[in-house]
């Protein structure tokens, strides 16, 4: 006998290009403390001198500093040049807002060379941060491998080659 579904199953993603669709504008951002989350930050302005790859140490330092401050565990991070993939674990659901504001604001200031005092009219980030709650061990491994493929892509490898490398030689059962 099938178990009855008493609660309506909600979507486990929010933001990014899904905000352009009517269905993507409904509801609130799902946040999870028991499960990990996949976070994507994208900027079309991050090219040339403003590329995340050119400033990889600064970007990593900013993310690590605020992750430590707000109790966010970074499982994996991929810097692809114009976007960042993070596989994170929140310690407290109320710290997400402060963490994402601090990280995105500081990265935008560092990349554009602007200051907090000057009003900058240009928009640095393309979309709101995309987040997806990763439920289950199999999904956890899938996101980890996906972020690693993007990491290899950011290092200049072809996507197909990176996918083969992760499948053949990548981490298997460690989390």
N, C-alpha and C. Protein backbone atom coordinates (compact mmCIF):
# COMPACT_ATOMS: atom_id res chain seq x y z
N UNK A 1 0.84 -1.18 0.00
CA UNK A 1 0.00 0.00 0.00
C UNK A 1 0.89 1.24 0.00
N UNK A 2 0.58 2.18 -0.86
CA UNK A 2 1.38 3.39 -0.94
C UNK A 2 1.10 4.29 0.25
N UNK A 3 2.17 4.95 0.69
CA UNK A 3 2.02 5.88 1.79
C UNK A 3 1.37 7.17 1.28
N UNK A 4 0.46 7.72 2.05
CA UNK A 4 -0.21 8.94 1.66
C UNK A 4 0.74 10.12 1.77
N UNK A 5 0.66 11.01 0.80
CA UNK A 5 1.44 12.24 0.87
C UNK A 5 0.59 13.29 1.55
N UNK A 6 0.95 13.62 2.78
CA UNK A 6 0.17 14.59 3.54
C UNK A 6 0.58 16.02 3.23
N UNK A 7 1.85 16.21 2.93
CA UNK A 7 2.34 17.55 2.62
C UNK A 7 2.64 17.65 1.14
N UNK A 8 2.33 18.79 0.57
CA UNK A 8 2.62 19.02 -0.84
C UNK A 8 4.13 19.11 -1.03
N UNK A 9 4.65 18.35 -1.99
CA UNK A 9 6.08 18.37 -2.25
C UNK A 9 6.44 19.68 -2.92
N UNK A 10 7.38 20.41 -2.32
CA UNK A 10 7.80 21.69 -2.88
C UNK A 10 9.00 21.51 -3.80
N UNK A 11 9.27 22.54 -4.58
CA UNK A 11 10.44 22.47 -5.44
C UNK A 11 11.67 22.72 -4.58
N UNK A 12 12.78 22.15 -4.99
CA UNK A 12 13.99 22.27 -4.18
C UNK A 12 15.04 23.15 -4.84
N UNK A 13 14.62 24.06 -5.74
CA UNK A 13 15.55 24.99 -6.36
C UNK A 13 14.92 26.38 -6.43
N UNK A 14 15.77 27.39 -6.64
CA UNK A 14 15.29 28.76 -6.70
C UNK A 14 16.37 29.64 -7.31
N UNK A 15 15.96 30.67 -8.03
CA UNK A 15 16.88 31.67 -8.54
C UNK A 15 17.40 31.37 -9.93
N UNK A 16 18.45 32.10 -10.31
CA UNK A 16 19.04 31.93 -11.63
C UNK A 16 18.07 32.28 -12.73
N UNK A 17 18.11 31.56 -13.83
CA UNK A 17 17.22 31.82 -14.97
C UNK A 17 15.79 31.37 -14.71
N UNK A 18 15.57 30.58 -13.68
CA UNK A 18 14.22 30.14 -13.35
C UNK A 18 13.35 31.30 -12.89
N UNK A 19 13.97 32.40 -12.45
CA UNK A 19 13.21 33.58 -12.05
C UNK A 19 12.54 34.24 -13.24
N UNK A 20 12.95 33.93 -14.47
CA UNK A 20 12.36 34.52 -15.66
C UNK A 20 11.04 33.86 -16.02
N UNK A 21 10.74 32.74 -15.43
CA UNK A 21 9.50 32.02 -15.71
C UNK A 21 8.51 32.25 -14.57
N UNK A 22 7.26 32.19 -14.88
CA UNK A 22 6.23 32.43 -13.87
C UNK A 22 6.35 31.46 -12.70
N UNK A 23 6.58 30.21 -13.01
CA UNK A 23 6.68 29.20 -11.97
C UNK A 23 7.89 29.46 -11.05
N UNK A 24 8.94 30.04 -11.60
CA UNK A 24 10.13 30.33 -10.82
C UNK A 24 9.98 31.50 -9.87
N UNK A 25 8.96 32.33 -10.08
CA UNK A 25 8.74 33.48 -9.21
C UNK A 25 7.82 33.15 -8.04
N UNK A 26 7.27 31.97 -8.04
CA UNK A 26 6.34 31.59 -6.98
C UNK A 26 7.09 30.94 -5.83
N UNK A 27 6.66 31.23 -4.64
CA UNK A 27 7.24 30.60 -3.46
C UNK A 27 8.50 31.30 -2.98
N UNK A 28 9.12 30.72 -1.99
CA UNK A 28 10.33 31.30 -1.42
C UNK A 28 11.51 30.36 -1.64
N UNK A 29 12.69 30.88 -1.41
CA UNK A 29 13.91 30.11 -1.59
C UNK A 29 13.97 28.99 -0.55
N UNK A 30 14.09 27.73 -0.99
CA UNK A 30 14.23 26.64 -0.02
C UNK A 30 15.65 26.62 0.55
N UNK A 31 15.74 26.56 1.85
CA UNK A 31 17.03 26.47 2.53
C UNK A 31 17.04 25.20 3.37
N UNK A 32 18.21 24.56 3.45
CA UNK A 32 18.30 23.32 4.20
C UNK A 32 19.51 23.34 5.11
N UNK A 33 19.32 22.81 6.30
CA UNK A 33 20.42 22.66 7.24
C UNK A 33 20.86 21.20 7.29
N UNK A 34 19.89 20.30 7.18
CA UNK A 34 20.21 18.87 7.22
C UNK A 34 20.84 18.39 5.91
N UNK A 35 20.51 19.05 4.81
CA UNK A 35 21.03 18.66 3.50
C UNK A 35 21.99 19.73 3.00
N UNK A 36 22.81 19.36 2.04
CA UNK A 36 23.71 20.34 1.45
C UNK A 36 22.99 21.09 0.33
N UNK A 37 23.65 22.14 -0.20
CA UNK A 37 23.05 22.95 -1.24
C UNK A 37 24.05 23.24 -2.34
N UNK A 38 23.55 23.32 -3.55
CA UNK A 38 24.36 23.71 -4.71
C UNK A 38 24.03 25.17 -4.99
N UNK A 39 25.07 26.01 -5.05
CA UNK A 39 24.91 27.45 -5.21
C UNK A 39 25.69 27.89 -6.44
N UNK A 40 25.06 28.66 -7.33
CA UNK A 40 25.72 29.17 -8.53
C UNK A 40 25.58 30.69 -8.56
N UNK A 41 26.72 31.37 -8.74
CA UNK A 41 26.77 32.83 -8.88
C UNK A 41 27.35 33.14 -10.25
N UNK A 42 26.61 33.90 -11.08
CA UNK A 42 27.04 34.15 -12.46
C UNK A 42 27.09 35.64 -12.75
N UNK A 43 28.16 36.06 -13.47
CA UNK A 43 28.30 37.44 -13.90
C UNK A 43 28.86 37.48 -15.31
N UNK A 44 28.15 38.15 -16.22
CA UNK A 44 28.66 38.28 -17.58
C UNK A 44 29.76 39.34 -17.66
N UNK A 45 29.90 40.17 -16.64
CA UNK A 45 30.97 41.17 -16.59
C UNK A 45 32.31 40.58 -16.18
N UNK A 46 32.31 39.36 -15.70
CA UNK A 46 33.53 38.72 -15.23
C UNK A 46 34.31 38.16 -16.42
N UNK A 47 34.83 39.07 -17.24
CA UNK A 47 35.64 38.70 -18.41
C UNK A 47 36.92 39.50 -18.36
N UNK A 48 37.94 38.98 -19.01
CA UNK A 48 39.21 39.72 -19.12
C UNK A 48 39.83 40.00 -17.76
N UNK A 49 40.03 41.27 -17.46
CA UNK A 49 40.65 41.66 -16.19
C UNK A 49 39.74 41.42 -14.99
N UNK A 50 38.45 41.35 -15.23
CA UNK A 50 37.50 41.13 -14.13
C UNK A 50 37.14 39.66 -13.96
N UNK A 51 37.81 38.77 -14.68
CA UNK A 51 37.51 37.34 -14.61
C UNK A 51 37.80 36.80 -13.21
N UNK A 52 36.94 35.90 -12.77
CA UNK A 52 37.15 35.26 -11.48
C UNK A 52 38.43 34.43 -11.49
N UNK A 53 38.80 33.90 -12.65
CA UNK A 53 40.02 33.10 -12.76
C UNK A 53 41.27 33.96 -12.55
N UNK A 54 41.25 35.20 -13.03
CA UNK A 54 42.39 36.10 -12.83
C UNK A 54 42.56 36.45 -11.36
N UNK A 55 41.48 36.48 -10.64
CA UNK A 55 41.50 36.86 -9.22
C UNK A 55 41.10 35.68 -8.34
N UNK A 56 41.54 34.47 -8.72
CA UNK A 56 41.06 33.27 -8.02
C UNK A 56 41.42 33.25 -6.54
N UNK A 57 42.61 33.76 -6.18
CA UNK A 57 43.00 33.76 -4.76
C UNK A 57 42.14 34.74 -3.95
N UNK A 58 41.85 35.89 -4.53
CA UNK A 58 41.00 36.87 -3.84
C UNK A 58 39.60 36.31 -3.66
N UNK A 59 39.05 35.72 -4.73
CA UNK A 59 37.69 35.18 -4.67
C UNK A 59 37.62 34.06 -3.64
N UNK A 60 38.58 33.16 -3.67
CA UNK A 60 38.60 32.05 -2.71
C UNK A 60 38.75 32.57 -1.28
N UNK A 61 39.59 33.58 -1.10
CA UNK A 61 39.78 34.18 0.22
C UNK A 61 38.50 34.82 0.75
N UNK A 62 37.78 35.51 -0.12
CA UNK A 62 36.51 36.14 0.28
C UNK A 62 35.51 35.07 0.71
N UNK A 63 35.39 34.02 -0.11
CA UNK A 63 34.42 32.96 0.20
C UNK A 63 34.80 32.25 1.50
N UNK A 64 36.08 31.93 1.67
CA UNK A 64 36.53 31.25 2.89
C UNK A 64 36.33 32.12 4.13
N UNK A 65 36.61 33.43 4.00
CA UNK A 65 36.47 34.34 5.14
C UNK A 65 35.03 34.40 5.62
N UNK A 66 34.09 34.57 4.69
CA UNK A 66 32.69 34.68 5.09
C UNK A 66 32.08 33.33 5.45
N UNK A 67 32.59 32.26 4.87
CA UNK A 67 32.12 30.93 5.25
C UNK A 67 32.48 30.65 6.71
N UNK A 68 33.68 31.02 7.09
CA UNK A 68 34.11 30.83 8.48
C UNK A 68 33.30 31.73 9.42
N UNK A 69 33.07 32.97 9.00
CA UNK A 69 32.34 33.93 9.83
C UNK A 69 30.90 33.49 10.08
N UNK A 70 30.24 32.95 9.05
CA UNK A 70 28.82 32.60 9.16
C UNK A 70 28.58 31.11 9.34
N UNK A 71 29.62 30.31 9.52
CA UNK A 71 29.45 28.89 9.81
C UNK A 71 28.95 28.08 8.63
N UNK A 72 29.40 28.41 7.43
CA UNK A 72 29.01 27.69 6.23
C UNK A 72 30.17 26.78 5.83
N UNK A 73 29.88 25.50 5.63
CA UNK A 73 30.91 24.56 5.22
C UNK A 73 30.94 24.49 3.69
N UNK A 74 32.12 24.65 3.10
CA UNK A 74 32.28 24.57 1.66
C UNK A 74 32.77 23.16 1.34
N UNK A 75 31.92 22.35 0.71
CA UNK A 75 32.33 21.00 0.30
C UNK A 75 33.25 21.08 -0.90
N UNK A 76 32.80 21.73 -1.96
CA UNK A 76 33.63 21.93 -3.16
C UNK A 76 33.31 23.30 -3.75
N UNK A 77 34.29 23.84 -4.47
CA UNK A 77 34.15 25.14 -5.11
C UNK A 77 34.76 25.05 -6.49
N UNK A 78 34.05 25.55 -7.50
CA UNK A 78 34.58 25.59 -8.86
C UNK A 78 34.52 27.03 -9.36
N UNK A 79 35.66 27.53 -9.78
CA UNK A 79 35.77 28.85 -10.37
C UNK A 79 35.90 28.66 -11.87
N UNK A 80 34.89 29.04 -12.63
CA UNK A 80 34.88 28.77 -14.07
C UNK A 80 35.20 30.03 -14.87
N UNK A 81 35.42 31.14 -14.24
CA UNK A 81 35.78 32.37 -14.94
C UNK A 81 34.67 33.38 -14.85
N UNK A 82 33.49 33.07 -15.42
CA UNK A 82 32.38 34.02 -15.34
C UNK A 82 31.30 33.57 -14.36
N UNK A 83 31.47 32.40 -13.77
CA UNK A 83 30.54 31.97 -12.73
C UNK A 83 31.25 31.05 -11.73
N UNK A 84 30.62 30.94 -10.57
CA UNK A 84 31.16 30.14 -9.47
C UNK A 84 30.13 29.08 -9.09
N UNK A 85 30.60 27.85 -8.88
CA UNK A 85 29.76 26.77 -8.36
C UNK A 85 30.25 26.45 -6.96
N UNK A 86 29.36 26.44 -6.00
CA UNK A 86 29.71 26.08 -4.63
C UNK A 86 28.77 24.97 -4.16
N UNK A 87 29.34 24.00 -3.49
CA UNK A 87 28.56 22.95 -2.83
C UNK A 87 28.72 23.23 -1.35
N UNK A 88 27.67 23.73 -0.71
CA UNK A 88 27.78 24.24 0.66
C UNK A 88 26.85 23.50 1.61
N UNK A 89 27.14 23.66 2.90
CA UNK A 89 26.30 23.12 3.98
C UNK A 89 26.11 24.26 4.98
N UNK A 90 24.87 24.64 5.22
CA UNK A 90 24.56 25.70 6.16
C UNK A 90 24.50 25.14 7.57
N UNK A 91 25.06 25.88 8.52
CA UNK A 91 24.96 25.48 9.92
C UNK A 91 23.65 25.97 10.52
N UNK A 92 23.16 27.10 9.99
CA UNK A 92 21.95 27.71 10.50
C UNK A 92 21.25 28.36 9.31
N UNK A 93 19.96 28.16 9.16
CA UNK A 93 19.27 28.68 7.98
C UNK A 93 19.19 30.20 7.96
N UNK A 94 19.36 30.84 9.10
CA UNK A 94 19.27 32.30 9.17
C UNK A 94 20.57 32.97 8.74
N UNK A 95 21.65 32.22 8.64
CA UNK A 95 22.92 32.83 8.23
C UNK A 95 23.09 32.88 6.72
N UNK A 96 22.21 32.21 5.95
CA UNK A 96 22.36 32.21 4.50
C UNK A 96 22.30 33.63 3.94
N UNK A 97 21.32 34.39 4.40
CA UNK A 97 21.12 35.74 3.86
C UNK A 97 22.35 36.62 4.09
N UNK A 98 22.91 36.59 5.29
CA UNK A 98 24.09 37.38 5.60
C UNK A 98 25.29 36.88 4.80
N UNK A 99 25.44 35.57 4.69
CA UNK A 99 26.56 34.98 3.94
C UNK A 99 26.51 35.38 2.47
N UNK A 100 25.36 35.24 1.82
CA UNK A 100 25.27 35.51 0.39
C UNK A 100 25.41 37.00 0.11
N UNK A 101 24.87 37.85 0.97
CA UNK A 101 25.04 39.30 0.80
C UNK A 101 26.50 39.70 0.92
N UNK A 102 27.17 39.16 1.92
CA UNK A 102 28.58 39.52 2.14
C UNK A 102 29.45 39.03 0.99
N UNK A 103 29.27 37.78 0.57
CA UNK A 103 30.10 37.21 -0.50
C UNK A 103 29.87 37.93 -1.82
N UNK A 104 28.61 38.07 -2.23
CA UNK A 104 28.33 38.70 -3.52
C UNK A 104 28.73 40.17 -3.54
N UNK A 105 28.46 40.87 -2.46
CA UNK A 105 28.82 42.29 -2.39
C UNK A 105 30.31 42.51 -2.43
N UNK A 106 31.05 41.74 -1.65
CA UNK A 106 32.50 41.89 -1.60
C UNK A 106 33.15 41.50 -2.92
N UNK A 107 32.71 40.41 -3.52
CA UNK A 107 33.27 40.00 -4.82
C UNK A 107 33.00 41.07 -5.87
N UNK A 108 31.78 41.62 -5.89
CA UNK A 108 31.45 42.66 -6.86
C UNK A 108 32.32 43.90 -6.65
N UNK A 109 32.55 44.28 -5.40
CA UNK A 109 33.40 45.44 -5.12
C UNK A 109 34.84 45.20 -5.56
N UNK A 110 35.35 44.02 -5.29
CA UNK A 110 36.74 43.70 -5.65
C UNK A 110 36.90 43.64 -7.17
N UNK A 111 35.95 43.03 -7.86
CA UNK A 111 36.06 42.87 -9.32
C UNK A 111 35.92 44.20 -10.06
N UNK A 112 35.02 45.06 -9.62
CA UNK A 112 34.79 46.31 -10.33
C UNK A 112 35.71 47.43 -9.86
N UNK A 113 36.33 47.26 -8.71
CA UNK A 113 37.20 48.32 -8.17
C UNK A 113 36.41 49.47 -7.60
N UNK A 114 35.13 49.28 -7.37
CA UNK A 114 34.27 50.32 -6.82
C UNK A 114 34.45 50.39 -5.31
N UNK A 115 33.82 51.35 -4.69
CA UNK A 115 33.84 51.44 -3.23
C UNK A 115 32.41 51.52 -2.72
N UNK A 116 32.24 51.31 -1.45
CA UNK A 116 30.91 51.37 -0.85
C UNK A 116 30.36 52.79 -0.87
N UNK A 117 31.25 53.77 -0.88
CA UNK A 117 30.82 55.16 -0.80
C UNK A 117 30.28 55.68 -2.13
N UNK A 118 30.84 55.23 -3.25
CA UNK A 118 30.38 55.68 -4.56
C UNK A 118 29.18 54.85 -4.99
N UNK A 119 28.22 55.50 -5.58
CA UNK A 119 27.06 54.79 -6.13
C UNK A 119 27.44 54.26 -7.51
N UNK A 120 27.39 52.95 -7.67
CA UNK A 120 27.72 52.32 -8.94
C UNK A 120 26.42 51.85 -9.60
N UNK A 121 26.11 52.38 -10.78
CA UNK A 121 24.85 52.07 -11.45
C UNK A 121 24.87 50.74 -12.19
N UNK A 122 26.06 50.23 -12.53
CA UNK A 122 26.12 48.99 -13.31
C UNK A 122 25.85 47.79 -12.41
N UNK A 123 25.13 46.83 -12.98
CA UNK A 123 24.76 45.62 -12.27
C UNK A 123 25.84 44.56 -12.55
N UNK A 124 26.46 44.02 -11.52
CA UNK A 124 27.54 43.06 -11.72
C UNK A 124 27.02 41.65 -11.92
N UNK A 125 26.08 41.21 -11.10
CA UNK A 125 25.56 39.84 -11.18
C UNK A 125 24.41 39.78 -12.17
N UNK A 126 24.37 38.72 -12.98
CA UNK A 126 23.33 38.58 -14.00
C UNK A 126 21.97 38.23 -13.39
N UNK A 127 21.95 37.28 -12.50
CA UNK A 127 20.70 36.79 -11.91
C UNK A 127 20.87 36.70 -10.41
N UNK A 128 19.76 36.42 -9.75
CA UNK A 128 19.86 36.11 -8.34
C UNK A 128 20.59 34.78 -8.19
N UNK A 129 21.21 34.55 -7.04
CA UNK A 129 21.93 33.28 -6.87
C UNK A 129 21.00 32.08 -7.07
N UNK A 130 21.48 31.11 -7.83
CA UNK A 130 20.72 29.87 -8.01
C UNK A 130 21.10 28.92 -6.89
N UNK A 131 20.11 28.38 -6.21
CA UNK A 131 20.37 27.38 -5.17
C UNK A 131 19.47 26.18 -5.40
N UNK A 132 20.00 25.04 -5.05
CA UNK A 132 19.23 23.79 -5.13
C UNK A 132 19.59 22.97 -3.91
N UNK A 133 18.59 22.48 -3.22
CA UNK A 133 18.82 21.62 -2.07
C UNK A 133 19.15 20.22 -2.59
N UNK A 134 20.23 19.66 -2.07
CA UNK A 134 20.71 18.35 -2.51
C UNK A 134 20.26 17.33 -1.47
N UNK A 135 19.27 16.52 -1.85
CA UNK A 135 18.69 15.56 -0.91
C UNK A 135 19.16 14.16 -1.27
N UNK A 136 19.82 13.51 -0.34
CA UNK A 136 20.25 12.13 -0.53
C UNK A 136 21.73 12.03 -0.90
N UNK A 137 22.27 10.86 -0.62
CA UNK A 137 23.70 10.63 -0.84
C UNK A 137 24.04 10.59 -2.32
N UNK A 138 23.18 9.99 -3.11
CA UNK A 138 23.42 9.89 -4.56
C UNK A 138 23.45 11.29 -5.20
N UNK A 139 22.53 12.15 -4.79
CA UNK A 139 22.50 13.51 -5.30
C UNK A 139 23.72 14.29 -4.81
N UNK A 140 24.15 14.01 -3.57
CA UNK A 140 25.35 14.65 -3.01
C UNK A 140 26.56 14.33 -3.89
N UNK A 141 26.72 13.05 -4.24
CA UNK A 141 27.84 12.65 -5.09
C UNK A 141 27.71 13.25 -6.49
N UNK A 142 26.49 13.35 -7.00
CA UNK A 142 26.27 13.93 -8.32
C UNK A 142 26.67 15.39 -8.38
N UNK A 143 26.29 16.16 -7.36
CA UNK A 143 26.66 17.58 -7.32
C UNK A 143 28.16 17.73 -7.13
N UNK A 144 28.73 16.89 -6.29
CA UNK A 144 30.19 16.96 -6.08
C UNK A 144 30.92 16.72 -7.40
N UNK A 145 30.52 15.71 -8.15
CA UNK A 145 31.16 15.43 -9.44
C UNK A 145 30.90 16.55 -10.44
N UNK A 146 29.69 17.11 -10.44
CA UNK A 146 29.36 18.20 -11.35
C UNK A 146 30.24 19.42 -11.08
N UNK A 147 30.45 19.74 -9.81
CA UNK A 147 31.30 20.88 -9.45
C UNK A 147 32.75 20.58 -9.85
N UNK A 148 33.20 19.34 -9.67
CA UNK A 148 34.56 18.98 -10.07
C UNK A 148 34.74 19.07 -11.58
N UNK A 149 33.74 18.68 -12.36
CA UNK A 149 33.81 18.82 -13.82
C UNK A 149 33.94 20.30 -14.18
N UNK A 150 33.18 21.16 -13.51
CA UNK A 150 33.27 22.59 -13.76
C UNK A 150 34.63 23.14 -13.34
N UNK A 151 35.21 22.57 -12.30
CA UNK A 151 36.55 22.97 -11.86
C UNK A 151 37.56 22.68 -12.97
N UNK A 152 37.49 21.50 -13.55
CA UNK A 152 38.40 21.14 -14.64
C UNK A 152 38.14 22.01 -15.87
N UNK A 153 36.88 22.33 -16.12
CA UNK A 153 36.55 23.23 -17.23
C UNK A 153 37.18 24.60 -17.02
N UNK A 154 37.15 25.07 -15.79
CA UNK A 154 37.75 26.36 -15.46
C UNK A 154 39.26 26.36 -15.63
N UNK A 155 39.86 25.18 -15.54
CA UNK A 155 41.31 25.07 -15.73
C UNK A 155 41.67 24.93 -17.20
N UNK A 156 40.66 24.96 -18.08
CA UNK A 156 40.92 24.96 -19.51
C UNK A 156 40.67 23.65 -20.23
N UNK A 157 40.19 22.64 -19.55
CA UNK A 157 39.89 21.36 -20.19
C UNK A 157 38.54 21.39 -20.88
N UNK A 158 38.38 20.57 -21.91
CA UNK A 158 37.12 20.41 -22.61
C UNK A 158 36.12 19.73 -21.66
N UNK A 159 34.84 20.06 -21.78
CA UNK A 159 33.83 19.49 -20.88
C UNK A 159 33.73 17.97 -20.99
N UNK A 160 33.79 17.45 -22.22
CA UNK A 160 33.72 16.00 -22.41
C UNK A 160 34.92 15.32 -21.76
N UNK A 161 36.11 15.90 -21.94
CA UNK A 161 37.33 15.36 -21.34
C UNK A 161 37.23 15.39 -19.81
N UNK A 162 36.76 16.51 -19.27
CA UNK A 162 36.63 16.64 -17.82
C UNK A 162 35.63 15.62 -17.26
N UNK A 163 34.55 15.39 -18.00
CA UNK A 163 33.55 14.41 -17.58
C UNK A 163 34.13 13.00 -17.54
N UNK A 164 34.94 12.66 -18.54
CA UNK A 164 35.59 11.35 -18.58
C UNK A 164 36.57 11.20 -17.43
N UNK A 165 37.36 12.24 -17.17
CA UNK A 165 38.34 12.21 -16.08
C UNK A 165 37.64 11.97 -14.74
N UNK A 166 36.56 12.67 -14.49
CA UNK A 166 35.83 12.51 -13.22
C UNK A 166 35.24 11.11 -13.11
N UNK A 167 34.67 10.59 -14.20
CA UNK A 167 34.06 9.26 -14.15
C UNK A 167 35.11 8.17 -13.95
N UNK A 168 36.26 8.31 -14.61
CA UNK A 168 37.29 7.26 -14.56
C UNK A 168 38.18 7.36 -13.32
N UNK A 169 38.64 8.58 -13.01
CA UNK A 169 39.66 8.73 -11.96
C UNK A 169 39.20 9.54 -10.77
N UNK A 170 37.97 10.05 -10.80
CA UNK A 170 37.48 10.91 -9.74
C UNK A 170 37.22 10.17 -8.45
N UNK A 171 36.94 10.93 -7.39
CA UNK A 171 36.62 10.29 -6.10
C UNK A 171 35.35 9.49 -6.20
N UNK A 172 35.30 8.37 -5.55
CA UNK A 172 34.15 7.48 -5.65
C UNK A 172 33.20 7.61 -4.45
N UNK A 173 33.62 7.12 -3.34
CA UNK A 173 32.68 7.00 -2.22
C UNK A 173 32.96 7.95 -1.07
N UNK A 174 33.99 8.75 -1.17
CA UNK A 174 34.28 9.67 -0.07
C UNK A 174 33.40 10.89 -0.20
N UNK A 175 32.98 11.43 0.94
CA UNK A 175 32.11 12.62 0.91
C UNK A 175 32.66 13.76 1.67
